């Protein structure tokens, strides 16, 4: 019976239930420590879903929203991405670069971005190296929902360790406005 419960929990999570409350408990490896506020942001050097080369070093001088999410085109992940899309002008007014990161590949990212008309870059992290560098745990090969705000000098100024997709875009915007003052 215990095996059945664990297997059923794994199937619910893998089938696209990507909201925070639906993530199975006890299936993650030993918890990693998220990078703390004030820490330098580890480098990222990859190709986004658009084919554009993305390097954090090249983005210095701009605030960066680096958000990790479990899976493209699932309920919670879509809600989070669409809220950012819907507030896109406010993100642009703040001068922020938004980077979404999941373990999906760029083929999946392209379909997700096109389907929902996402105006920001999605980064593939198939091996989990970016998540590991930031201390973001992977569960069943998918990143936990965590957001980092990185300042113009490349330091992490805000960490959202337990993101609820509903309303998160406004939380990010509030953190960005504090940074600008």
Protein backbone atom coordinates (compact mmCIF):
# COMPACT_ATOMS: atom_id res chain seq x y z
CA UNK A 1 0.00 0.00 0.00
CA UNK A 2 2.81 2.42 0.88
CA UNK A 3 4.43 1.84 -2.54
CA UNK A 4 1.08 2.55 -4.23
CA UNK A 5 0.69 5.88 -2.39
CA UNK A 6 4.21 6.99 -3.34
CA UNK A 7 3.70 5.93 -6.95
CA UNK A 8 0.31 7.68 -7.14
CA UNK A 9 1.82 10.83 -5.65
CA UNK A 10 4.63 10.73 -8.20
CA UNK A 11 2.16 10.31 -11.08
CA UNK A 12 0.05 13.27 -9.92
CA UNK A 13 3.14 15.49 -9.77
CA UNK A 14 4.61 14.29 -13.08
CA UNK A 15 1.28 14.67 -14.89
CA UNK A 16 1.48 18.43 -14.66
CA UNK A 17 0.21 19.26 -11.20
CA UNK A 18 2.70 21.97 -10.67
CA UNK A 19 1.08 24.14 -8.08
CA UNK A 20 2.89 24.46 -4.78
CA UNK A 21 0.18 22.71 -2.76
CA UNK A 22 0.21 19.66 -5.02
CA UNK A 23 3.92 18.91 -4.85
CA UNK A 24 4.50 15.54 -3.18
CA UNK A 25 6.10 15.64 0.22
CA UNK A 26 9.08 13.51 1.09
CA UNK A 27 10.16 12.76 -2.47
CA UNK A 28 13.08 15.18 -2.63
CA UNK A 29 16.66 14.37 -1.84
CA UNK A 30 18.30 16.08 1.12
CA UNK A 31 17.43 19.78 0.94
CA UNK A 32 19.93 22.10 -0.65
CA UNK A 33 20.47 25.55 0.77
CA UNK A 34 19.18 28.29 -1.51
CA UNK A 35 21.64 31.06 -2.16
CA UNK A 36 21.07 33.87 0.31
CA UNK A 37 20.33 37.51 -0.24
CA UNK A 38 23.63 39.38 -0.63
CA UNK A 39 25.38 36.46 -2.34
CA UNK A 40 26.85 36.97 -5.80
CA UNK A 41 24.70 35.45 -8.52
CA UNK A 42 26.41 32.43 -10.11
CA UNK A 43 27.12 32.79 -13.83
CA UNK A 44 24.64 31.60 -16.40
CA UNK A 45 25.76 31.01 -19.95
CA UNK A 46 23.21 29.28 -22.14
CA UNK A 47 20.91 29.60 -25.15
CA UNK A 48 17.32 30.71 -24.57
CA UNK A 49 14.28 29.31 -26.38
CA UNK A 50 14.59 32.14 -28.93
CA UNK A 51 18.10 31.05 -29.90
CA UNK A 52 19.51 34.10 -28.12
CA UNK A 53 22.72 33.62 -26.12
CA UNK A 54 22.16 34.55 -22.45
CA UNK A 55 24.98 35.45 -20.12
CA UNK A 56 24.45 37.07 -16.73
CA UNK A 57 27.76 38.85 -17.15
CA UNK A 58 26.43 40.54 -20.30
CA UNK A 59 23.28 41.61 -18.42
CA UNK A 60 25.17 43.49 -15.69
CA UNK A 61 23.71 46.92 -15.13
CA UNK A 62 20.11 45.65 -15.32
CA UNK A 63 18.00 44.08 -12.60
CA UNK A 64 17.27 40.44 -13.33
CA UNK A 65 14.31 38.33 -12.30
CA UNK A 66 15.46 34.72 -12.35
CA UNK A 67 12.53 32.46 -11.70
CA UNK A 68 12.65 28.68 -11.51
CA UNK A 69 9.51 26.70 -12.25
CA UNK A 70 8.76 22.96 -12.54
CA UNK A 71 7.32 22.39 -16.02
CA UNK A 72 6.10 24.16 -19.15
CA UNK A 73 2.38 24.34 -19.89
CA UNK A 74 1.10 23.07 -16.54
CA UNK A 75 -1.49 24.86 -14.45
CA UNK A 76 0.61 26.67 -11.82
CA UNK A 77 3.52 27.32 -14.15
CA UNK A 78 1.22 28.77 -16.80
CA UNK A 79 -0.50 31.00 -14.23
CA UNK A 80 2.86 32.34 -13.03
CA UNK A 81 4.18 32.96 -16.56
CA UNK A 82 0.95 34.60 -17.74
CA UNK A 83 0.84 36.93 -14.74
CA UNK A 84 4.35 38.10 -15.63
CA UNK A 85 3.28 38.47 -19.26
CA UNK A 86 0.21 40.48 -18.26
CA UNK A 87 2.36 42.84 -16.16
CA UNK A 88 5.09 42.98 -18.81
CA UNK A 89 4.99 46.76 -19.26
CA UNK A 90 5.62 47.23 -15.53
CA UNK A 91 8.63 44.88 -15.73
CA UNK A 92 9.93 46.88 -18.67
CA UNK A 93 9.34 50.15 -16.81
CA UNK A 94 11.48 48.73 -13.99
CA UNK A 95 14.20 47.94 -16.53
CA UNK A 96 14.12 44.28 -15.50
CA UNK A 97 15.21 41.28 -17.53
CA UNK A 98 13.02 38.25 -16.80
CA UNK A 99 14.48 34.77 -17.20
CA UNK A 100 12.36 31.67 -16.61
CA UNK A 101 14.27 28.46 -15.93
CA UNK A 102 13.03 24.88 -15.95
CA UNK A 103 14.48 21.49 -16.79
CA UNK A 104 12.42 21.40 -20.00
CA UNK A 105 14.32 21.70 -23.27
CA UNK A 106 14.07 24.59 -25.72
CA UNK A 107 11.62 22.71 -27.97
CA UNK A 108 9.19 22.61 -25.04
CA UNK A 109 10.02 26.23 -24.14
CA UNK A 110 9.29 27.43 -27.68
CA UNK A 111 5.87 25.76 -27.69
CA UNK A 112 5.06 27.16 -24.21
CA UNK A 113 6.19 30.70 -25.10
CA UNK A 114 4.30 30.69 -28.41
CA UNK A 115 1.10 29.24 -26.96
CA UNK A 116 0.91 31.91 -24.23
CA UNK A 117 2.72 34.74 -26.06
CA UNK A 118 5.38 35.04 -23.37
CA UNK A 119 7.60 38.10 -23.99
CA UNK A 120 10.52 36.99 -21.82
CA UNK A 121 13.26 34.41 -22.20
CA UNK A 122 12.97 30.80 -21.09
CA UNK A 123 16.19 28.95 -20.32
CA UNK A 124 16.71 25.20 -20.50
CA UNK A 125 18.32 23.49 -17.51
CA UNK A 126 18.05 19.86 -18.55
CA UNK A 127 20.95 18.67 -16.39
CA UNK A 128 19.91 20.85 -13.46
CA UNK A 129 23.23 22.72 -13.35
CA UNK A 130 21.67 26.18 -13.08
CA UNK A 131 19.30 25.03 -10.32
CA UNK A 132 22.18 23.41 -8.46
CA UNK A 133 24.30 26.58 -8.68
CA UNK A 134 21.47 28.55 -7.03
CA UNK A 135 20.65 25.81 -4.51
CA UNK A 136 17.22 25.18 -6.02
CA UNK A 137 16.10 21.63 -5.25
CA UNK A 138 14.96 19.32 -8.02
CA UNK A 139 12.09 16.94 -7.34
CA UNK A 140 11.61 14.14 -9.80
CA UNK A 141 13.82 16.06 -12.23
CA UNK A 142 11.82 19.31 -11.91
CA UNK A 143 12.90 22.53 -10.21
CA UNK A 144 11.12 23.80 -7.13
CA UNK A 145 9.33 27.10 -7.70
CA UNK A 146 11.82 29.75 -6.47
CA UNK A 147 12.53 33.32 -7.63
CA UNK A 148 15.71 35.38 -7.26
CA UNK A 149 16.02 39.12 -7.86
CA UNK A 150 19.55 40.04 -8.93
CA UNK A 151 20.65 43.68 -8.78
CA UNK A 152 22.58 45.69 -11.35
CA UNK A 153 25.89 44.67 -9.76
CA UNK A 154 25.13 40.94 -9.91
CA UNK A 155 24.15 40.37 -6.27
CA UNK A 156 21.06 38.55 -5.13
CA UNK A 157 18.86 41.09 -3.37
CA UNK A 158 15.68 39.08 -2.84
CA UNK A 159 14.83 35.39 -2.65
CA UNK A 160 11.29 34.05 -2.82
CA UNK A 161 11.77 30.47 -1.56
CA UNK A 162 8.14 29.27 -1.56
CA UNK A 163 6.37 30.87 -4.48
CA UNK A 164 2.62 30.75 -4.90
CA UNK A 165 1.98 31.39 -8.63
CA UNK A 166 -1.13 33.50 -7.96
CA UNK A 167 -0.02 37.06 -7.32
CA UNK A 168 3.70 36.39 -7.62
CA UNK A 169 4.22 38.91 -10.43
CA UNK A 170 3.08 41.67 -8.08
CA UNK A 171 5.45 40.42 -5.35
CA UNK A 172 8.33 40.60 -7.81
CA UNK A 173 7.35 44.08 -8.97
CA UNK A 174 7.19 45.28 -5.34
CA UNK A 175 10.71 43.93 -4.73
CA UNK A 176 11.95 45.63 -7.90
CA UNK A 177 10.44 48.96 -6.85
CA UNK A 178 12.21 48.75 -3.47
CA UNK A 179 15.46 48.14 -5.33
CA UNK A 180 15.02 51.29 -7.43
CA UNK A 181 14.56 53.57 -4.41
